[in-house]
Amino acid sequence: MTKAASKVLTDALALMPEERMDLAAELLASVDGPADPDWEPAWQAELDRRAAASDTSSTPPAEWSEVRARVLRKLASR
């Protein structure tokens, strides 16, 4: 990492968490390329599909503690 980048990182880490998240989102967007115009409608359709599937499911949703543990195990195995 260059001195300039290290300085920016040090300054960024001094920001409040919400400011850091906004900064991170802007930085990622700056290297992500142009926005996909079909993204938002596609994501909304996926959210609607998942909500409908959840509403009609007879299986209760998993507890957050179980989901978190499963994700952490998967990350640890990489």
C-alpha atoms as a PDB file:
ATOM      1  CA  MET A   1       0.000   0.000   0.000  1.00  0.00           C
ATOM      2  CA  THR A   2       1.350   3.435  -0.869  1.00  0.00           C
ATOM      3  CA  LYS A   3       1.914   6.142   1.721  1.00  0.00           C
ATOM      4  CA  ALA A   4      -1.004   8.096   0.286  1.00  0.00           C
ATOM      5  CA  ALA A   5      -3.339   5.103   0.506  1.00  0.00           C
ATOM      6  CA  SER A   6      -2.148   4.336   4.027  1.00  0.00           C
ATOM      7  CA  LYS A   7      -2.890   7.934   5.077  1.00  0.00           C
ATOM      8  CA  VAL A   8      -6.368   7.756   3.538  1.00  0.00           C
ATOM      9  CA  LEU A   9      -6.998   4.471   5.355  1.00  0.00           C
ATOM     10  CA  THR A  10      -5.852   5.904   8.679  1.00  0.00           C
ATOM     11  CA  ASP A  11      -8.105   8.925   8.198  1.00  0.00           C
ATOM     12  CA  ALA A  12     -11.025   6.743   7.113  1.00  0.00           C
ATOM     13  CA  LEU A  13     -10.702   4.503  10.167  1.00  0.00           C
ATOM     14  CA  ALA A  14     -11.148   7.593  12.359  1.00  0.00           C
ATOM     15  CA  LEU A  15     -14.616   8.181  10.876  1.00  0.00           C
ATOM     16  CA  MET A  16     -17.851   7.057  12.485  1.00  0.00           C
ATOM     17  CA  PRO A  17     -19.031   3.592  11.320  1.00  0.00           C
ATOM     18  CA  GLU A  18     -21.833   5.007   9.141  1.00  0.00           C
ATOM     19  CA  GLU A  19     -19.398   7.394   7.452  1.00  0.00           C
ATOM     20  CA  ARG A  20     -16.969   4.513   6.835  1.00  0.00           C
ATOM     21  CA  MET A  21     -19.750   2.455   5.257  1.00  0.00           C
ATOM     22  CA  ASP A  22     -20.742   5.351   2.994  1.00  0.00           C
ATOM     23  CA  LEU A  23     -17.104   5.859   2.016  1.00  0.00           C
ATOM     24  CA  ALA A  24     -16.621   2.150   1.342  1.00  0.00           C
ATOM     25  CA  ALA A  25     -19.736   2.062  -0.843  1.00  0.00           C
ATOM     26  CA  GLU A  26     -18.512   5.046  -2.848  1.00  0.00           C
ATOM     27  CA  LEU A  27     -15.046   3.536  -3.264  1.00  0.00           C
ATOM     28  CA  LEU A  28     -16.479   0.221  -4.439  1.00  0.00           C
ATOM     29  CA  ALA A  29     -18.838   1.980  -6.828  1.00  0.00           C
ATOM     30  CA  SER A  30     -15.898   3.888  -8.302  1.00  0.00           C
ATOM     31  CA  VAL A  31     -14.230   0.647  -9.462  1.00  0.00           C
ATOM     32  CA  ASP A  32     -17.359  -1.391 -10.125  1.00  0.00           C
ATOM     33  CA  GLY A  33     -18.070   0.058 -13.551  1.00  0.00           C
ATOM     34  CA  PRO A  34     -21.307   1.531 -14.803  1.00  0.00           C
ATOM     35  CA  ALA A  35     -24.521   0.687 -12.994  1.00  0.00           C
ATOM     36  CA  ASP A  36     -26.636  -2.069 -14.508  1.00  0.00           C
ATOM     37  CA  PRO A  37     -30.044  -0.555 -15.318  1.00  0.00           C
ATOM     38  CA  ASP A  38     -31.691  -3.976 -14.943  1.00  0.00           C
ATOM     39  CA  TRP A  39     -30.286  -4.545 -11.456  1.00  0.00           C
ATOM     40  CA  GLU A  40     -32.966  -2.861  -9.362  1.00  0.00           C
ATOM     41  CA  PRO A  41     -36.002  -4.465 -11.058  1.00  0.00           C
ATOM     42  CA  ALA A  42     -34.275  -7.868 -11.003  1.00  0.00           C
ATOM     43  CA  TRP A  43     -33.423  -7.539  -7.308  1.00  0.00           C
ATOM     44  CA  GLN A  44     -36.970  -6.413  -6.472  1.00  0.00           C
ATOM     45  CA  ALA A  45     -38.349  -9.434  -8.336  1.00  0.00           C
ATOM     46  CA  GLU A  46     -36.007 -11.705  -6.361  1.00  0.00           C
ATOM     47  CA  LEU A  47     -37.078 -10.119  -3.067  1.00  0.00           C
ATOM     48  CA  ASP A  48     -40.743 -10.572  -4.009  1.00  0.00           C
ATOM     49  CA  ARG A  49     -40.078 -14.222  -4.948  1.00  0.00           C
ATOM     50  CA  ARG A  50     -38.328 -14.895  -1.637  1.00  0.00           C
ATOM     51  CA  ALA A  51     -41.051 -13.159   0.382  1.00  0.00           C
ATOM     52  CA  ALA A  52     -43.755 -15.176  -1.384  1.00  0.00           C
ATOM     53  CA  ALA A  53     -41.827 -18.418  -0.812  1.00  0.00           C
ATOM     54  CA  SER A  54     -41.437 -17.546   2.860  1.00  0.00           C
ATOM     55  CA  ASP A  55     -45.125 -16.712   3.214  1.00  0.00           C
ATOM     56  CA  THR A  56     -46.207 -20.063   1.753  1.00  0.00           C
ATOM     57  CA  SER A  57     -43.588 -22.202   3.497  1.00  0.00           C
ATOM     58  CA  SER A  58     -44.656 -24.462   6.336  1.00  0.00           C
ATOM     59  CA  THR A  59     -41.059 -24.585   7.582  1.00  0.00           C
ATOM     60  CA  PRO A  60     -40.300 -21.935  10.199  1.00  0.00           C
ATOM     61  CA  PRO A  61     -37.387 -19.636   9.388  1.00  0.00           C
ATOM     62  CA  ALA A  62     -34.034 -20.452  10.959  1.00  0.00           C
ATOM     63  CA  GLU A  63     -32.980 -18.560  14.065  1.00  0.00           C
ATOM     64  CA  TRP A  64     -30.321 -15.899  13.445  1.00  0.00           C
ATOM     65  CA  SER A  65     -27.924 -17.621  15.841  1.00  0.00           C
ATOM     66  CA  GLU A  66     -28.130 -20.800  13.737  1.00  0.00           C
ATOM     67  CA  VAL A  67     -27.655 -18.949  10.460  1.00  0.00           C
ATOM     68  CA  ARG A  68     -24.710 -16.975  11.863  1.00  0.00           C
ATOM     69  CA  ALA A  69     -23.029 -20.129  13.167  1.00  0.00           C
ATOM     70  CA  ARG A  70     -23.488 -21.838   9.786  1.00  0.00           C
ATOM     71  CA  VAL A  71     -21.975 -18.870   7.935  1.00  0.00           C
ATOM     72  CA  LEU A  72     -19.034 -18.671  10.340  1.00  0.00           C
ATOM     73  CA  ARG A  73     -18.350 -22.409   9.939  1.00  0.00           C
ATOM     74  CA  LYS A  74     -18.403 -22.053   6.172  1.00  0.00           C
ATOM     75  CA  LEU A  75     -16.044 -19.085   6.276  1.00  0.00           C
ATOM     76  CA  ALA A  76     -13.685 -20.913   8.638  1.00  0.00           C
ATOM     77  CA  SER A  77     -13.471 -23.894   6.299  1.00  0.00           C
ATOM     78  CA  ARG A  78     -12.115 -21.800   3.413  1.00  0.00           C
END
